[in-house]
N, C-alpha and C. Protein backbone atom coordinates (compact mmCIF):
# COMPACT_ATOMS: atom_id res chain seq x y z
N MET A 1 131.32 106.78 127.91
CA MET A 1 131.64 106.94 126.51
C MET A 1 132.19 108.33 126.28
N ILE A 2 133.29 108.44 125.53
CA ILE A 2 133.92 109.73 125.27
C ILE A 2 134.27 109.84 123.79
N PRO A 3 133.33 110.23 122.94
CA PRO A 3 133.72 110.44 121.55
C PRO A 3 134.55 111.71 121.44
N SER A 4 135.55 111.69 120.60
CA SER A 4 136.39 112.86 120.41
C SER A 4 136.53 113.13 118.91
N PRO A 5 135.43 113.54 118.27
CA PRO A 5 135.42 113.67 116.81
C PRO A 5 136.01 114.97 116.29
N HIS A 6 136.29 114.96 115.02
CA HIS A 6 136.73 116.14 114.27
C HIS A 6 135.44 116.72 113.70
N LEU A 7 134.86 117.68 114.38
CA LEU A 7 133.50 118.13 114.08
C LEU A 7 133.46 119.39 113.24
N ASP A 8 133.65 119.24 111.95
CA ASP A 8 133.53 120.40 111.07
C ASP A 8 132.47 120.15 110.01
N ALA A 9 131.42 119.47 110.42
CA ALA A 9 130.31 119.18 109.52
C ALA A 9 129.62 120.47 109.10
N PRO A 10 128.96 120.47 107.95
CA PRO A 10 128.27 121.69 107.51
C PRO A 10 127.22 122.15 108.50
N ARG A 11 127.12 123.44 108.63
CA ARG A 11 126.10 124.02 109.51
C ARG A 11 124.87 124.31 108.65
N ARG A 12 123.99 123.34 108.57
CA ARG A 12 122.82 123.46 107.71
C ARG A 12 121.58 123.71 108.56
N TYR A 13 121.24 124.97 108.71
CA TYR A 13 120.09 125.35 109.53
C TYR A 13 118.82 124.65 109.05
N ASP A 14 118.64 124.51 107.75
CA ASP A 14 117.41 123.92 107.22
C ASP A 14 117.29 122.44 107.55
N ALA A 15 118.39 121.78 107.94
CA ALA A 15 118.35 120.36 108.27
C ALA A 15 118.07 120.12 109.75
N TRP A 16 118.04 121.17 110.56
CA TRP A 16 117.83 120.99 111.99
C TRP A 16 116.38 120.70 112.30
N PRO A 17 116.12 119.91 113.34
CA PRO A 17 114.74 119.72 113.80
C PRO A 17 114.17 121.07 114.26
N MET A 18 112.87 121.21 114.17
CA MET A 18 112.22 122.48 114.51
C MET A 18 112.55 122.94 115.93
N ALA A 19 112.65 122.02 116.90
CA ALA A 19 112.95 122.41 118.28
C ALA A 19 114.29 123.11 118.38
N LEU A 20 115.27 122.69 117.59
CA LEU A 20 116.58 123.32 117.63
C LEU A 20 116.57 124.68 116.96
N ARG A 21 115.74 124.87 115.96
CA ARG A 21 115.69 126.15 115.25
C ARG A 21 115.21 127.28 116.15
N ARG A 22 114.52 126.94 117.23
CA ARG A 22 113.99 127.97 118.13
C ARG A 22 115.05 128.49 119.10
N SER A 23 116.21 127.84 119.16
CA SER A 23 117.24 128.23 120.11
C SER A 23 118.31 129.07 119.45
N PRO A 24 118.44 130.36 119.79
CA PRO A 24 119.48 131.20 119.19
C PRO A 24 120.88 130.66 119.45
N ALA A 25 121.09 130.00 120.60
CA ALA A 25 122.40 129.46 120.93
C ALA A 25 122.81 128.34 119.98
N ALA A 26 121.84 127.75 119.30
CA ALA A 26 122.14 126.63 118.40
C ALA A 26 122.58 127.09 117.02
N LEU A 27 122.46 128.36 116.73
CA LEU A 27 122.70 128.83 115.37
C LEU A 27 124.14 128.67 114.87
N ASP A 28 125.11 128.61 115.78
CA ASP A 28 126.50 128.51 115.33
C ASP A 28 127.10 127.13 115.53
N LYS A 29 126.29 126.12 115.78
CA LYS A 29 126.79 124.78 116.04
C LYS A 29 126.44 123.82 114.90
N PRO A 30 127.41 122.98 114.50
CA PRO A 30 127.11 121.98 113.48
C PRO A 30 126.07 120.97 114.00
N ASP A 31 125.38 120.33 113.08
CA ASP A 31 124.37 119.35 113.45
C ASP A 31 124.93 118.28 114.38
N SER A 32 126.15 117.82 114.13
CA SER A 32 126.74 116.75 114.92
C SER A 32 126.89 117.17 116.39
N VAL A 33 127.26 118.41 116.64
CA VAL A 33 127.40 118.90 118.01
C VAL A 33 126.04 118.96 118.68
N LEU A 34 125.05 119.49 117.99
CA LEU A 34 123.72 119.60 118.56
C LEU A 34 123.14 118.22 118.91
N LEU A 35 123.36 117.25 118.04
CA LEU A 35 122.85 115.90 118.30
C LEU A 35 123.51 115.28 119.52
N LEU A 36 124.81 115.47 119.68
CA LEU A 36 125.49 114.94 120.86
C LEU A 36 124.99 115.62 122.13
N GLN A 37 124.80 116.93 122.08
CA GLN A 37 124.29 117.64 123.25
C GLN A 37 122.86 117.21 123.57
N GLN A 38 122.06 117.00 122.57
CA GLN A 38 120.69 116.51 122.80
C GLN A 38 120.70 115.13 123.45
N ALA A 39 121.72 114.34 123.15
CA ALA A 39 121.83 112.99 123.71
C ALA A 39 122.41 113.00 125.13
N GLY A 40 122.66 114.19 125.68
CA GLY A 40 123.10 114.29 127.05
C GLY A 40 124.60 114.39 127.25
N PHE A 41 125.35 114.58 126.17
CA PHE A 41 126.80 114.73 126.29
C PHE A 41 127.14 116.17 126.65
N THR A 42 128.20 116.35 127.43
CA THR A 42 128.72 117.66 127.79
C THR A 42 130.02 117.87 127.04
N GLU A 43 130.19 119.04 126.45
CA GLU A 43 131.42 119.35 125.74
C GLU A 43 132.42 119.88 126.76
N ALA A 44 133.56 119.20 126.90
CA ALA A 44 134.50 119.46 127.99
C ALA A 44 135.05 120.89 128.00
N TRP A 45 135.49 121.40 126.84
CA TRP A 45 136.06 122.75 126.83
C TRP A 45 135.03 123.78 127.29
N GLN A 46 133.85 123.69 126.75
CA GLN A 46 132.78 124.64 127.09
C GLN A 46 132.43 124.57 128.57
N ALA A 47 132.49 123.37 129.14
CA ALA A 47 132.14 123.20 130.56
C ALA A 47 133.11 123.92 131.49
N LEU A 48 134.41 123.92 131.14
CA LEU A 48 135.40 124.53 132.02
C LEU A 48 135.91 125.90 131.57
N HIS A 49 135.65 126.27 130.31
CA HIS A 49 136.15 127.54 129.77
C HIS A 49 135.02 128.28 129.04
N ALA A 50 133.94 128.53 129.73
CA ALA A 50 132.75 129.10 129.10
C ALA A 50 133.00 130.43 128.40
N ASN A 51 133.96 131.22 128.87
CA ASN A 51 134.21 132.54 128.28
C ASN A 51 135.37 132.57 127.31
N ASP A 52 135.93 131.40 126.98
CA ASP A 52 137.05 131.30 126.04
C ASP A 52 136.60 130.43 124.87
N PRO A 53 136.60 130.95 123.64
CA PRO A 53 136.10 130.14 122.52
C PRO A 53 136.94 128.90 122.24
N GLY A 54 138.21 128.87 122.65
CA GLY A 54 139.02 127.68 122.49
C GLY A 54 139.26 127.28 121.04
N TYR A 55 139.47 128.24 120.17
CA TYR A 55 139.65 127.94 118.75
C TYR A 55 140.83 127.01 118.52
N THR A 56 140.66 126.05 117.61
CA THR A 56 141.70 125.05 117.34
C THR A 56 142.15 125.00 115.87
N TRP A 57 141.45 125.68 114.99
CA TRP A 57 141.76 125.56 113.56
C TRP A 57 141.44 126.87 112.84
N PRO A 58 142.14 127.20 111.78
CA PRO A 58 143.32 126.60 111.17
C PRO A 58 144.57 127.15 111.83
N LEU A 59 145.52 126.31 112.08
CA LEU A 59 146.74 126.74 112.74
C LEU A 59 147.69 127.45 111.78
N PHE A 60 147.63 127.11 110.49
CA PHE A 60 148.54 127.69 109.51
C PHE A 60 147.86 128.33 108.31
N LEU A 61 146.55 128.35 108.25
CA LEU A 61 145.79 128.91 107.15
C LEU A 61 146.01 128.19 105.82
N GLU A 62 146.57 126.98 105.86
CA GLU A 62 146.90 126.26 104.63
C GLU A 62 145.67 125.88 103.81
N ASP A 63 144.54 125.77 104.43
CA ASP A 63 143.32 125.44 103.68
C ASP A 63 142.67 126.66 103.06
N HIS A 64 143.19 127.84 103.36
CA HIS A 64 142.59 129.07 102.86
C HIS A 64 143.42 129.79 101.80
N PHE A 65 144.71 129.48 101.75
CA PHE A 65 145.59 130.16 100.83
C PHE A 65 146.49 129.16 100.13
N PRO A 66 146.86 129.40 98.86
CA PRO A 66 147.77 128.49 98.16
C PRO A 66 149.21 128.65 98.65
N ALA A 67 150.14 127.87 98.06
CA ALA A 67 151.56 127.91 98.41
C ALA A 67 152.04 129.36 98.40
N PRO A 68 153.07 129.76 99.10
CA PRO A 68 154.07 128.89 99.70
C PRO A 68 153.58 128.26 101.00
N PRO A 69 154.25 127.19 101.44
CA PRO A 69 153.80 126.55 102.68
C PRO A 69 153.95 127.50 103.87
N PHE A 70 153.05 127.39 104.77
CA PHE A 70 153.05 128.23 105.96
C PHE A 70 153.87 127.53 107.05
N THR A 71 154.74 128.27 107.69
CA THR A 71 155.63 127.67 108.68
C THR A 71 155.42 128.22 110.08
N SER A 72 154.65 129.26 110.21
CA SER A 72 154.38 129.79 111.54
C SER A 72 152.87 129.82 111.76
N PRO A 73 152.47 129.66 113.00
CA PRO A 73 151.03 129.59 113.26
C PRO A 73 150.29 130.90 113.02
N ALA A 74 149.05 130.75 112.65
CA ALA A 74 148.13 131.88 112.50
C ALA A 74 147.25 131.90 113.75
N ALA A 75 146.32 132.78 113.79
CA ALA A 75 145.36 132.82 114.89
C ALA A 75 144.15 131.98 114.50
N PRO A 76 143.99 130.80 115.08
CA PRO A 76 142.82 129.98 114.74
C PRO A 76 141.53 130.76 114.99
N PHE A 77 140.50 130.45 114.18
CA PHE A 77 139.23 131.17 114.33
C PHE A 77 138.03 130.24 114.36
N GLU A 78 138.26 128.94 114.47
CA GLU A 78 137.15 127.99 114.55
C GLU A 78 137.53 126.87 115.51
N ARG A 79 136.55 126.35 116.23
CA ARG A 79 136.81 125.24 117.16
C ARG A 79 136.14 124.00 116.61
N ILE A 80 136.96 123.10 116.06
CA ILE A 80 136.41 121.88 115.46
C ILE A 80 136.87 120.62 116.18
N ASP A 81 137.69 120.77 117.19
CA ASP A 81 138.20 119.62 117.94
C ASP A 81 137.59 119.65 119.33
N LEU A 82 136.70 118.72 119.58
CA LEU A 82 135.93 118.75 120.81
C LEU A 82 135.95 117.38 121.48
N ILE A 83 135.79 117.39 122.79
CA ILE A 83 135.68 116.15 123.55
C ILE A 83 134.34 116.20 124.28
N PHE A 84 133.55 115.17 124.07
CA PHE A 84 132.24 115.08 124.71
C PHE A 84 132.27 114.00 125.79
N VAL A 85 131.60 114.29 126.90
CA VAL A 85 131.61 113.39 128.04
C VAL A 85 130.17 113.15 128.49
N ARG A 86 129.89 111.90 128.83
CA ARG A 86 128.58 111.56 129.39
C ARG A 86 128.78 110.39 130.34
N GLY A 87 127.99 110.33 131.36
CA GLY A 87 128.10 109.22 132.28
C GLY A 87 128.84 109.61 133.55
N PRO A 88 129.37 108.63 134.25
CA PRO A 88 129.98 108.90 135.56
C PRO A 88 131.41 109.44 135.44
N LEU A 89 131.58 110.54 134.73
CA LEU A 89 132.89 111.15 134.53
C LEU A 89 132.86 112.60 134.97
N GLU A 90 133.87 112.99 135.74
CA GLU A 90 134.03 114.39 136.13
C GLU A 90 135.14 114.99 135.26
N ILE A 91 134.87 116.14 134.68
CA ILE A 91 135.88 116.83 133.87
C ILE A 91 136.76 117.61 134.83
N ARG A 92 138.03 117.19 134.95
CA ARG A 92 138.96 117.84 135.88
C ARG A 92 139.71 118.99 135.22
N ALA A 93 140.12 118.81 133.97
CA ALA A 93 140.87 119.84 133.25
C ALA A 93 140.72 119.58 131.76
N VAL A 94 140.89 120.63 130.98
CA VAL A 94 140.89 120.49 129.51
C VAL A 94 141.78 121.61 128.97
N GLU A 95 142.66 121.23 128.03
CA GLU A 95 143.59 122.21 127.48
C GLU A 95 143.85 121.94 126.01
N ARG A 96 144.31 122.97 125.31
CA ARG A 96 144.74 122.82 123.92
C ARG A 96 146.21 122.45 123.90
N THR A 97 146.61 121.65 122.92
CA THR A 97 148.00 121.24 122.77
C THR A 97 148.46 121.54 121.35
N GLY A 98 149.76 121.41 121.12
CA GLY A 98 150.29 121.59 119.77
C GLY A 98 150.34 123.02 119.30
N LEU A 99 150.45 123.96 120.23
CA LEU A 99 150.47 125.38 119.87
C LEU A 99 151.88 125.94 119.70
N VAL A 100 152.89 125.09 119.95
CA VAL A 100 154.28 125.50 119.76
C VAL A 100 155.01 124.45 118.93
N ALA A 101 156.10 124.86 118.29
CA ALA A 101 156.88 123.93 117.46
C ALA A 101 157.51 122.83 118.33
N PRO A 102 157.66 121.64 117.81
CA PRO A 102 157.28 121.19 116.47
C PRO A 102 155.78 120.95 116.40
N TYR A 103 155.17 121.35 115.30
CA TYR A 103 153.73 121.23 115.12
C TYR A 103 153.39 119.86 114.54
N GLY A 104 152.44 119.19 115.14
CA GLY A 104 152.08 117.86 114.69
C GLY A 104 150.87 117.83 113.79
N SER A 105 150.23 118.98 113.57
CA SER A 105 148.99 119.00 112.81
C SER A 105 148.72 120.41 112.28
N ASP A 106 147.67 120.52 111.49
CA ASP A 106 147.25 121.83 110.99
C ASP A 106 146.27 122.49 111.95
N HIS A 107 146.01 121.84 113.07
CA HIS A 107 145.18 122.44 114.11
C HIS A 107 145.68 121.96 115.46
N SER A 108 145.30 122.66 116.51
CA SER A 108 145.75 122.26 117.84
C SER A 108 144.89 121.11 118.33
N GLY A 109 145.45 120.35 119.23
CA GLY A 109 144.71 119.25 119.82
C GLY A 109 144.00 119.70 121.09
N VAL A 110 143.16 118.83 121.60
CA VAL A 110 142.47 119.09 122.86
C VAL A 110 142.65 117.85 123.73
N VAL A 111 143.06 118.09 124.98
CA VAL A 111 143.28 117.00 125.92
C VAL A 111 142.45 117.26 127.17
N ALA A 112 141.72 116.27 127.62
CA ALA A 112 140.92 116.41 128.84
C ALA A 112 141.38 115.41 129.89
N THR A 113 141.41 115.87 131.13
CA THR A 113 141.67 115.00 132.26
C THR A 113 140.34 114.72 132.92
N LEU A 114 140.00 113.44 133.02
CA LEU A 114 138.70 113.03 133.54
C LEU A 114 138.87 112.14 134.75
N LYS A 115 137.89 112.16 135.63
CA LYS A 115 137.88 111.26 136.79
C LYS A 115 136.63 110.40 136.69
N LEU A 116 136.83 109.10 136.76
CA LEU A 116 135.71 108.17 136.76
C LEU A 116 135.08 108.15 138.14
N GLU A 117 133.82 108.54 138.21
CA GLU A 117 133.10 108.57 139.47
C GLU A 117 132.64 107.16 139.84
N PRO A 118 132.65 106.84 141.14
CA PRO A 118 132.20 105.49 141.55
C PRO A 118 130.71 105.29 141.32
């Protein structure tokens, strides 16, 4: 199973189970990410690029500022596009896409190459 959600759910510390509140590493993750990790899923970008935050949004800052329309990319500062893997799958590669014109979205995409293990 490979869910690939748009994970920008609210980060509500008070809604987390007590076990998660004890982990400092959990403080910057939305509830949806923590629940998937608790269920044994591995986040592909983090697995192969541990020292690179891999930010994917906002590509144009359009959600932060009013018109005029933005036509050149900004520096994304949040990673909301993630691929989770569980089961007999090896993560071979993972990369961001859509970082050059023509732009297909307001954020970059994430593509993972996986190998199904026998």
